[in-house]
Protein backbone atom coordinates (compact mmCIF):
# COMPACT_ATOMS: atom_id res chain seq x y z
CA MET A 1 0.00 0.00 0.00
CA ALA A 2 1.34 3.45 -0.86
CA ASP A 3 2.67 5.44 2.11
CA ASP A 4 0.15 8.33 1.91
CA THR A 5 -2.72 5.91 1.43
CA GLY A 6 -1.59 3.88 4.43
CA LYS A 7 -1.17 7.00 6.54
CA LEU A 8 -4.68 8.22 5.66
CA LEU A 9 -6.21 4.79 6.26
CA ARG A 10 -4.46 4.37 9.64
CA TYR A 11 -5.75 7.78 10.67
CA ILE A 12 -9.32 6.91 9.65
CA VAL A 13 -9.13 3.55 11.44
CA ARG A 14 -7.74 5.01 14.66
CA THR A 15 -9.79 8.20 14.73
CA TYR A 16 -13.16 6.96 13.52
CA LEU A 17 -13.55 3.20 13.25
CA ALA A 18 -11.65 2.15 16.37
CA ARG A 19 -13.85 4.48 18.45
CA GLN A 20 -16.98 2.99 16.90
CA ASP A 21 -15.76 -0.54 17.60
CA VAL A 22 -14.79 0.25 21.20
CA LEU A 23 -18.15 1.84 21.92
CA GLU A 24 -20.02 -1.05 20.32
CA ILE A 25 -18.13 -3.59 22.43
CA GLU A 26 -18.83 -1.56 25.59
CA ARG A 27 -22.50 -1.26 24.67
CA ASP A 28 -22.79 -5.01 24.02
CA ALA A 29 -20.91 -6.04 27.17
CA THR A 30 -22.93 -7.63 29.93
CA ALA A 31 -22.52 -7.27 33.67
CA VAL A 32 -20.75 -10.64 33.82
CA ASP A 33 -18.13 -9.64 31.23
CA GLY A 34 -14.86 -8.89 32.99
CA GLY A 35 -13.01 -5.65 32.37
CA ALA A 36 -10.00 -7.53 31.03
CA ASP A 37 -12.23 -9.42 28.58
CA ILE A 38 -13.76 -6.18 27.33
CA ILE A 39 -10.34 -4.59 26.87
CA ALA A 40 -9.06 -7.68 25.04
CA ASP A 41 -12.12 -7.61 22.76
CA GLN A 42 -11.55 -3.91 22.05
CA GLN A 43 -7.88 -4.45 21.25
CA ARG A 44 -8.75 -7.38 18.98
CA ALA A 45 -11.35 -5.28 17.14
CA ILE A 46 -8.80 -2.51 16.55
CA ARG A 47 -6.20 -5.00 15.29
CA ASP A 48 -8.82 -6.51 12.96
CA GLU A 49 -9.65 -3.06 11.54
CA GLU A 50 -5.96 -2.31 11.04
CA GLN A 51 -5.43 -5.65 9.31
CA ARG A 52 -8.42 -5.03 7.05
CA ALA A 53 -6.99 -1.60 6.21
CA ASP A 54 -3.69 -3.26 5.24
CA ASP A 55 -5.54 -5.84 3.13
CA LEU A 56 -7.70 -3.26 1.35
CA GLY A 57 -5.14 -0.46 1.09
CA ASP A 58 -4.54 -0.80 -2.64
CA ALA A 59 -8.25 -1.08 -3.39
CA PHE A 60 -8.92 1.97 -1.19
CA ARG A 61 -6.29 3.98 -3.08
CA ASP A 62 -7.64 2.84 -6.47
CA GLY A 63 -11.23 3.64 -5.49
CA LEU A 64 -10.28 7.03 -4.09
CA MET A 65 -8.33 7.83 -7.26
CA ARG A 66 -11.30 6.75 -9.35
CA ALA A 67 -13.60 9.00 -7.31
CA ASP A 68 -11.14 11.89 -7.68
CA ALA A 69 -11.03 11.38 -11.46
CA ALA A 70 -14.84 11.46 -11.54
CA ARG A 71 -14.84 14.66 -9.47
CA ARG A 72 -12.35 16.33 -11.82
CA ALA A 73 -14.56 15.31 -14.77
CA GLY A 74 -17.54 17.02 -13.11
CA GLY A 75 -19.16 13.97 -11.52
CA ASN A 76 -20.23 13.64 -7.93
CA ALA A 77 -20.22 9.83 -7.53
CA ILE A 78 -18.78 6.62 -8.92
CA SER A 79 -20.52 3.33 -9.60
CA LEU A 80 -18.77 0.06 -8.82
CA ASP A 81 -20.02 -3.34 -10.01
CA ASP A 82 -19.44 -6.24 -7.61
CA ARG A 83 -19.28 -8.68 -10.55
CA LYS A 84 -15.85 -7.20 -11.35
CA GLU A 85 -13.29 -8.23 -8.73
CA ASP A 86 -11.35 -4.95 -8.70
CA GLU A 87 -14.52 -2.86 -8.44
CA ASN A 88 -15.92 -5.11 -5.72
CA LEU A 89 -12.74 -4.62 -3.66
CA GLN A 90 -12.85 -0.86 -4.24
CA ALA A 91 -16.48 -0.73 -3.12
CA ASP A 92 -15.66 -2.79 -0.04
CA ALA A 93 -12.78 -0.47 0.86
CA LEU A 94 -14.62 2.80 0.26
CA ILE A 95 -17.73 1.65 2.11
CA ARG A 96 -15.76 0.16 5.02
CA PHE A 97 -13.52 3.17 5.56
CA LEU A 98 -15.29 6.22 4.15
CA VAL A 99 -19.00 5.46 4.41
CA ARG A 100 -18.71 3.99 7.92
CA SER A 101 -16.78 7.12 8.93
CA ASP A 102 -19.41 9.45 7.40
CA LEU A 103 -16.89 10.65 4.83
CA ALA A 104 -18.96 9.31 1.92
CA ALA A 105 -22.46 8.06 1.17
CA SER A 106 -23.48 5.01 -0.80
CA THR A 107 -26.51 3.49 -2.42
CA THR A 108 -26.94 -0.02 -3.76
CA ARG A 109 -28.83 -1.33 -6.78
CA GLU A 110 -29.33 -5.04 -7.42
CA THR A 111 -28.43 -6.04 -10.98
CA ASP A 112 -28.93 -9.80 -10.74
CA PRO A 113 -29.80 -11.94 -7.73
CA HIS A 114 -27.10 -11.20 -5.12
CA GLN A 115 -25.20 -8.96 -7.55
CA TYR A 116 -25.00 -5.22 -6.94
CA ILE A 117 -23.80 -1.90 -8.24
CA TYR A 118 -22.65 0.43 -5.48
CA THR A 119 -22.82 4.16 -6.10
CA ILE A 120 -20.47 6.03 -3.80
CA ALA A 121 -20.35 9.80 -3.34
CA VAL A 122 -17.29 11.04 -1.46
CA ASP A 123 -17.70 14.08 0.80
CA TRP A 124 -14.54 15.76 -0.48
CA ASP A 125 -14.66 18.63 2.01
CA ALA A 126 -14.69 16.12 4.87
CA VAL A 127 -11.99 13.94 3.27
CA ASP A 128 -9.83 17.03 2.72
CA ARG A 129 -10.16 17.95 6.43
CA VAL A 130 -9.33 14.39 7.52
CA ALA A 131 -6.35 14.26 5.15
CA LYS A 132 -5.02 17.53 6.60
CA ASP A 133 -5.46 16.18 10.13
CA ALA A 134 -3.61 13.02 9.06
CA ARG A 135 -0.90 15.18 7.44
CA VAL A 136 -1.57 13.69 4.02
CA ASP A 137 -1.46 15.83 0.90
CA LEU A 138 -4.22 14.47 -1.34
CA SER A 139 -2.67 16.03 -4.44
CA ASP A 140 0.46 13.94 -3.75
CA LEU A 141 -1.67 10.86 -3.22
CA PHE A 142 -3.41 11.50 -6.54
CA GLY A 143 -0.12 12.26 -8.31
CA ARG A 144 -0.92 15.92 -8.98
CA ALA A 145 1.43 18.82 -8.31
């Protein structure tokens, strides 16, 4: 995974998704769950998110670059078809990291039984703010001067 992409993804995971996971585990914990068990579950959830970010890093970068190209062409969303492996991975990455973090919105349309086209609209103002907070220059990430 490219360095800037990894840096941005790690920031999103730690700042947004890890917090969501920790709160969800706390909310789902019962009175009989021990504190150490809850902490272990939270740490495991964070490691799982970080691993998923590593696994989907290239697809995230490719999907983000595709969305940027659409934006520069005057579009406000991209459509990704899950019947195409690369597009399915891009949709998974963008939905997992941007949509779950409220940095993008998505809609789904079924094309065939259990086959979908995902339309994803990136909130570029929000992504720009997050990138600045993560100390990532999006123009570098997109290969623009």
